[in-house]
């Protein structure tokens, strides 16, 4: 019905069409840090580190979808 309405864009089926808005948000948006995560643990006695590998800290997850 939308595509017949004359709107400036069209809609089509995709891999997200069977998800509710809540399911989409939980699966595909934003960082969900572990409850015990505390950024102060990064500082330690030497202050700010020269560099941080966020993959090792659990802050970066795997690629979810590049399609």
PDB file of N, CA and C in Angstrom:
ATOM      1  N   UNK A   1       0.815  -1.193   0.000  1.00  0.00           N
ATOM      2  CA  UNK A   1       0.000   0.000   0.000  1.00  0.00           C
ATOM      3  C   UNK A   1       0.869   1.271   0.000  1.00  0.00           C
ATOM      4  N   UNK A   2       1.971   1.217   0.767  1.00  0.00           N
ATOM      5  CA  UNK A   2       2.832   2.401   0.832  1.00  0.00           C
ATOM      6  C   UNK A   2       3.398   2.735  -0.550  1.00  0.00           C
ATOM      7  N   UNK A   3       3.887   1.743  -1.266  1.00  0.00           N
ATOM      8  CA  UNK A   3       4.509   1.988  -2.567  1.00  0.00           C
ATOM      9  C   UNK A   3       3.515   2.551  -3.577  1.00  0.00           C
ATOM     10  N   UNK A   4       2.235   2.272  -3.412  1.00  0.00           N
ATOM     11  CA  UNK A   4       1.210   2.801  -4.307  1.00  0.00           C
ATOM     12  C   UNK A   4       0.748   4.202  -3.905  1.00  0.00           C
ATOM     13  N   UNK A   5       1.184   4.688  -2.752  1.00  0.00           N
ATOM     14  CA  UNK A   5       0.686   5.969  -2.227  1.00  0.00           C
ATOM     15  C   UNK A   5       1.327   7.189  -2.883  1.00  0.00           C
ATOM     16  N   UNK A   6       2.393   7.007  -3.672  1.00  0.00           N
ATOM     17  CA  UNK A   6       3.050   8.139  -4.307  1.00  0.00           C
ATOM     18  C   UNK A   6       4.089   8.821  -3.426  1.00  0.00           C
ATOM     19  N   UNK A   7       4.495   8.184  -2.332  1.00  0.00           N
ATOM     20  CA  UNK A   7       5.509   8.749  -1.439  1.00  0.00           C
ATOM     21  C   UNK A   7       6.843   8.849  -2.172  1.00  0.00           C
ATOM     22  N   UNK A   8       7.771   9.611  -1.623  1.00  0.00           N
ATOM     23  CA  UNK A   8       9.062   9.841  -2.275  1.00  0.00           C
ATOM     24  C   UNK A   8      10.031   8.674  -2.104  1.00  0.00           C
ATOM     25  N   UNK A   9       9.641   7.634  -1.375  1.00  0.00           N
ATOM     26  CA  UNK A   9      10.491   6.457  -1.210  1.00  0.00           C
ATOM     27  C   UNK A   9       9.621   5.208  -1.270  1.00  0.00           C
ATOM     28  N   UNK A  10      10.271   4.077  -1.554  1.00  0.00           N
ATOM     29  CA  UNK A  10       9.546   2.812  -1.604  1.00  0.00           C
ATOM     30  C   UNK A  10      10.004   1.910  -0.467  1.00  0.00           C
ATOM     31  N   UNK A  11       9.189   0.954  -0.135  1.00  0.00           N
ATOM     32  CA  UNK A  11       9.505  -0.005   0.917  1.00  0.00           C
ATOM     33  C   UNK A  11       9.594  -1.394   0.305  1.00  0.00           C
ATOM     34  N   UNK A  12      10.435  -2.241   0.911  1.00  0.00           N
ATOM     35  CA  UNK A  12      10.588  -3.618   0.442  1.00  0.00           C
ATOM     36  C   UNK A  12      10.911  -4.526   1.629  1.00  0.00           C
ATOM     37  N   UNK A  13      10.805  -5.811   1.413  1.00  0.00           N
ATOM     38  CA  UNK A  13      11.150  -6.775   2.446  1.00  0.00           C
ATOM     39  C   UNK A  13      12.659  -6.758   2.668  1.00  0.00           C
ATOM     40  N   UNK A  14      13.077  -6.967   3.934  1.00  0.00           N
ATOM     41  CA  UNK A  14      14.496  -7.095   4.248  1.00  0.00           C
ATOM     42  C   UNK A  14      14.679  -8.010   5.450  1.00  0.00           C
ATOM     43  N   UNK A  15      15.905  -8.176   5.888  1.00  0.00           N
ATOM     44  CA  UNK A  15      16.215  -9.104   6.969  1.00  0.00           C
ATOM     45  C   UNK A  15      15.704  -8.646   8.333  1.00  0.00           C
ATOM     46  N   UNK A  16      15.199  -7.421   8.435  1.00  0.00           N
ATOM     47  CA  UNK A  16      14.721  -6.900   9.710  1.00  0.00           C
ATOM     48  C   UNK A  16      13.200  -6.894   9.819  1.00  0.00           C
ATOM     49  N   UNK A  17      12.490  -7.260   8.769  1.00  0.00           N
ATOM     50  CA  UNK A  17      11.040  -7.075   8.719  1.00  0.00           C
ATOM     51  C   UNK A  17      10.271  -7.877   9.749  1.00  0.00           C
ATOM     52  N   UNK A  18      10.835  -8.972  10.260  1.00  0.00           N
ATOM     53  CA  UNK A  18      10.098  -9.774  11.230  1.00  0.00           C
ATOM     54  C   UNK A  18      10.441  -9.413  12.676  1.00  0.00           C
ATOM     55  N   UNK A  19      11.241  -8.362  12.891  1.00  0.00           N
ATOM     56  CA  UNK A  19      11.604  -7.924  14.234  1.00  0.00           C
ATOM     57  C   UNK A  19      10.706  -6.783  14.700  1.00  0.00           C
ATOM     58  N   UNK A  20      10.374  -6.793  15.978  1.00  0.00           N
ATOM     59  CA  UNK A  20       9.686  -5.635  16.545  1.00  0.00           C
ATOM     60  C   UNK A  20      10.717  -4.516  16.721  1.00  0.00           C
ATOM     61  N   UNK A  21      10.256  -3.309  16.983  1.00  0.00           N
ATOM     62  CA  UNK A  21      11.182  -2.192  17.214  1.00  0.00           C
ATOM     63  C   UNK A  21      12.102  -2.491  18.396  1.00  0.00           C
ATOM     64  N   UNK A  22      11.558  -3.076  19.442  1.00  0.00           N
ATOM     65  CA  UNK A  22      12.356  -3.403  20.625  1.00  0.00           C
ATOM     66  C   UNK A  22      13.410  -4.452  20.302  1.00  0.00           C
ATOM     67  N   UNK A  23      13.024  -5.498  19.573  1.00  0.00           N
ATOM     68  CA  UNK A  23      13.985  -6.531  19.190  1.00  0.00           C
ATOM     69  C   UNK A  23      15.106  -5.942  18.333  1.00  0.00           C
ATOM     70  N   UNK A  24      14.770  -5.070  17.390  1.00  0.00           N
ATOM     71  CA  UNK A  24      15.765  -4.438  16.539  1.00  0.00           C
ATOM     72  C   UNK A  24      16.754  -3.638  17.385  1.00  0.00           C
ATOM     73  N   UNK A  25      16.229  -2.837  18.325  1.00  0.00           N
ATOM     74  CA  UNK A  25      17.105  -2.026  19.176  1.00  0.00           C
ATOM     75  C   UNK A  25      18.042  -2.895  19.999  1.00  0.00           C
ATOM     76  N   UNK A  26      17.528  -3.977  20.569  1.00  0.00           N
ATOM     77  CA  UNK A  26      18.364  -4.840  21.393  1.00  0.00           C
ATOM     78  C   UNK A  26      19.443  -5.551  20.582  1.00  0.00           C
ATOM     79  N   UNK A  27      19.130  -5.912  19.344  1.00  0.00           N
ATOM     80  CA  UNK A  27      20.064  -6.678  18.529  1.00  0.00           C
ATOM     81  C   UNK A  27      21.055  -5.823  17.739  1.00  0.00           C
ATOM     82  N   UNK A  28      20.656  -4.628  17.316  1.00  0.00           N
ATOM     83  CA  UNK A  28      21.457  -3.905  16.319  1.00  0.00           C
ATOM     84  C   UNK A  28      21.877  -2.492  16.694  1.00  0.00           C
ATOM     85  N   UNK A  29      21.549  -1.993  17.858  1.00  0.00           N
ATOM     86  CA  UNK A  29      21.941  -0.617  18.169  1.00  0.00           C
ATOM     87  C   UNK A  29      22.685  -0.534  19.493  1.00  0.00           C
ATOM     88  N   UNK A  30      23.686   0.303  19.535  1.00  0.00           N
ATOM     89  CA  UNK A  30      24.339   0.714  20.765  1.00  0.00           C
ATOM     90  C   UNK A  30      25.161  -0.324  21.498  1.00  0.00           C
ATOM     91  N   UNK A  31      25.997   0.166  22.358  1.00  0.00           N
ATOM     92  CA  UNK A  31      26.844  -0.649  23.216  1.00  0.00           C
ATOM     93  C   UNK A  31      26.064  -1.046  24.458  1.00  0.00           C
ATOM     94  N   UNK A  32      26.134  -2.306  24.819  1.00  0.00           N
ATOM     95  CA  UNK A  32      25.527  -2.779  26.049  1.00  0.00           C
ATOM     96  C   UNK A  32      26.645  -3.324  26.938  1.00  0.00           C
ATOM     97  N   UNK A  33      27.299  -2.438  27.700  1.00  0.00           N
ATOM     98  CA  UNK A  33      28.433  -2.899  28.508  1.00  0.00           C
ATOM     99  C   UNK A  33      27.984  -3.856  29.604  1.00  0.00           C
ATOM    100  N   UNK A  34      28.898  -4.716  30.035  1.00  0.00           N
ATOM    101  CA  UNK A  34      28.614  -5.623  31.137  1.00  0.00           C
ATOM    102  C   UNK A  34      28.384  -4.794  32.395  1.00  0.00           C
ATOM    103  N   UNK A  35      27.544  -5.283  33.289  1.00  0.00           N
ATOM    104  CA  UNK A  35      27.199  -4.509  34.482  1.00  0.00           C
ATOM    105  C   UNK A  35      28.405  -4.247  35.373  1.00  0.00           C
ATOM    106  N   UNK A  36      29.407  -5.131  35.362  1.00  0.00           N
ATOM    107  CA  UNK A  36      30.581  -4.920  36.204  1.00  0.00           C
ATOM    108  C   UNK A  36      31.622  -4.010  35.555  1.00  0.00           C
ATOM    109  N   UNK A  37      31.375  -3.564  34.317  1.00  0.00           N
ATOM    110  CA  UNK A  37      32.316  -2.688  33.617  1.00  0.00           C
ATOM    111  C   UNK A  37      32.377  -1.323  34.298  1.00  0.00           C
ATOM    112  N   UNK A  38      33.593  -0.863  34.558  1.00  0.00           N
ATOM    113  CA  UNK A  38      33.791   0.443  35.171  1.00  0.00           C
ATOM    114  C   UNK A  38      34.991   1.094  34.492  1.00  0.00           C
ATOM    115  N   UNK A  39      34.809   2.222  33.786  1.00  0.00           N
ATOM    116  CA  UNK A  39      35.925   2.832  33.052  1.00  0.00           C
ATOM    117  C   UNK A  39      37.087   3.246  33.933  1.00  0.00           C
ATOM    118  N   UNK A  40      36.897   3.434  35.231  1.00  0.00           N
ATOM    119  CA  UNK A  40      38.004   3.807  36.108  1.00  0.00           C
ATOM    120  C   UNK A  40      39.053   2.703  36.190  1.00  0.00           C
ATOM    121  N   UNK A  41      38.676   1.462  35.882  1.00  0.00           N
ATOM    122  CA  UNK A  41      39.628   0.348  35.916  1.00  0.00           C
ATOM    123  C   UNK A  41      40.716   0.535  34.859  1.00  0.00           C
ATOM    124  N   UNK A  42      40.462   1.340  33.847  1.00  0.00           N
ATOM    125  CA  UNK A  42      41.431   1.548  32.776  1.00  0.00           C
ATOM    126  C   UNK A  42      42.604   2.422  33.207  1.00  0.00           C
ATOM    127  N   UNK A  43      42.423   3.241  34.220  1.00  0.00           N
ATOM    128  CA  UNK A  43      43.449   4.217  34.567  1.00  0.00           C
ATOM    129  C   UNK A  43      44.613   3.619  35.336  1.00  0.00           C
ATOM    130  N   UNK A  44      44.406   2.872  36.358  1.00  0.00           N
ATOM    131  CA  UNK A  44      45.504   2.260  37.099  1.00  0.00           C
ATOM    132  C   UNK A  44      46.448   3.284  37.691  1.00  0.00           C
ATOM    133  N   UNK A  45      47.568   2.832  38.279  1.00  0.00           N
ATOM    134  CA  UNK A  45      48.481   3.739  38.981  1.00  0.00           C
ATOM    135  C   UNK A  45      49.238   4.694  38.063  1.00  0.00           C
ATOM    136  N   UNK A  46      49.444   4.346  36.789  1.00  0.00           N
ATOM    137  CA  UNK A  46      50.209   5.205  35.893  1.00  0.00           C
ATOM    138  C   UNK A  46      49.376   6.279  35.209  1.00  0.00           C
ATOM    139  N   UNK A  47      48.107   6.392  35.541  1.00  0.00           N
ATOM    140  CA  UNK A  47      47.240   7.371  34.883  1.00  0.00           C
ATOM    141  C   UNK A  47      46.716   6.862  33.554  1.00  0.00           C
ATOM    142  N   UNK A  48      46.532   7.763  32.619  1.00  0.00           N
ATOM    143  CA  UNK A  48      45.963   7.432  31.315  1.00  0.00           C
ATOM    144  C   UNK A  48      46.955   6.627  30.481  1.00  0.00           C
ATOM    145  N   UNK A  49      46.524   5.467  29.933  1.00  0.00           N
ATOM    146  CA  UNK A  49      47.444   4.672  29.111  1.00  0.00           C
ATOM    147  C   UNK A  49      47.737   5.354  27.776  1.00  0.00           C
ATOM    148  N   UNK A  50      48.871   5.014  27.172  1.00  0.00           N
ATOM    149  CA  UNK A  50      49.259   5.560  25.874  1.00  0.00           C
ATOM    150  C   UNK A  50      48.268   5.150  24.791  1.00  0.00           C
ATOM    151  N   UNK A  51      47.800   3.900  24.838  1.00  0.00           N
ATOM    152  CA  UNK A  51      46.782   3.417  23.903  1.00  0.00           C
ATOM    153  C   UNK A  51      45.989   2.300  24.569  1.00  0.00           C
ATOM    154  N   UNK A  52      44.822   2.024  24.023  1.00  0.00           N
ATOM    155  CA  UNK A  52      43.947   0.989  24.574  1.00  0.00           C
ATOM    156  C   UNK A  52      43.399   0.169  23.417  1.00  0.00           C
ATOM    157  N   UNK A  53      43.453  -1.164  23.523  1.00  0.00           N
ATOM    158  CA  UNK A  53      42.822  -2.044  22.548  1.00  0.00           C
ATOM    159  C   UNK A  53      41.428  -2.368  23.081  1.00  0.00           C
ATOM    160  N   UNK A  54      40.435  -1.656  22.579  1.00  0.00           N
ATOM    161  CA  UNK A  54      39.077  -1.786  23.092  1.00  0.00           C
ATOM    162  C   UNK A  54      38.497  -3.172  22.847  1.00  0.00           C
ATOM    163  N   UNK A  55      39.034  -3.907  21.881  1.00  0.00           N
ATOM    164  CA  UNK A  55      38.577  -5.289  21.658  1.00  0.00           C
ATOM    165  C   UNK A  55      38.880  -6.143  22.879  1.00  0.00           C
ATOM    166  N   UNK A  56      40.050  -5.947  23.482  1.00  0.00           N
ATOM    167  CA  UNK A  56      40.431  -6.722  24.662  1.00  0.00           C
ATOM    168  C   UNK A  56      39.632  -6.320  25.896  1.00  0.00           C
ATOM    169  N   UNK A  57      39.125  -5.094  25.912  1.00  0.00           N
ATOM    170  CA  UNK A  57      38.335  -4.615  27.048  1.00  0.00           C
ATOM    171  C   UNK A  57      36.864  -4.999  26.945  1.00  0.00           C
ATOM    172  N   UNK A  58      36.466  -5.620  25.815  1.00  0.00           N
ATOM    173  CA  UNK A  58      35.087  -6.046  25.638  1.00  0.00           C
ATOM    174  C   UNK A  58      34.145  -4.945  25.183  1.00  0.00           C
ATOM    175  N   UNK A  59      34.677  -3.806  24.755  1.00  0.00           N
ATOM    176  CA  UNK A  59      33.836  -2.682  24.354  1.00  0.00           C
ATOM    177  C   UNK A  59      33.459  -2.723  22.873  1.00  0.00           C
ATOM    178  N   UNK A  60      34.120  -3.564  22.080  1.00  0.00           N
ATOM    179  CA  UNK A  60      33.852  -3.657  20.653  1.00  0.00           C
ATOM    180  C   UNK A  60      33.474  -5.094  20.335  1.00  0.00           C
ATOM    181  N   UNK A  61      32.320  -5.272  19.735  1.00  0.00           N
ATOM    182  CA  UNK A  61      31.868  -6.610  19.382  1.00  0.00           C
ATOM    183  C   UNK A  61      32.164  -6.934  17.937  1.00  0.00           C
ATOM    184  N   UNK A  62      31.804  -8.130  17.516  1.00  0.00           N
ATOM    185  CA  UNK A  62      32.023  -8.514  16.116  1.00  0.00           C
ATOM    186  C   UNK A  62      31.103  -7.755  15.174  1.00  0.00           C
ATOM    187  N   UNK A  63      31.444  -7.714  13.912  1.00  0.00           N
ATOM    188  CA  UNK A  63      30.601  -7.086  12.910  1.00  0.00           C
ATOM    189  C   UNK A  63      29.283  -7.844  12.842  1.00  0.00           C
ATOM    190  N   UNK A  64      28.158  -7.123  12.868  1.00  0.00           N
ATOM    191  CA  UNK A  64      26.855  -7.777  12.908  1.00  0.00           C
ATOM    192  C   UNK A  64      26.256  -7.967  11.521  1.00  0.00           C
ATOM    193  N   UNK A  65      26.407  -6.968  10.658  1.00  0.00           N
ATOM    194  CA  UNK A  65      25.768  -7.072   9.360  1.00  0.00           C
ATOM    195  C   UNK A  65      26.389  -6.052   8.426  1.00  0.00           C
ATOM    196  N   UNK A  66      26.992  -6.522   7.336  1.00  0.00           N
ATOM    197  CA  UNK A  66      27.539  -5.603   6.361  1.00  0.00           C
ATOM    198  C   UNK A  66      26.748  -5.638   5.060  1.00  0.00           C
ATOM    199  N   UNK A  67      25.593  -6.313   5.102  1.00  0.00           N
ATOM    200  CA  UNK A  67      24.754  -6.403   3.923  1.00  0.00           C
ATOM    201  C   UNK A  67      23.958  -5.171   3.795  1.00  0.00           C
TER     202      UNK A  67
END
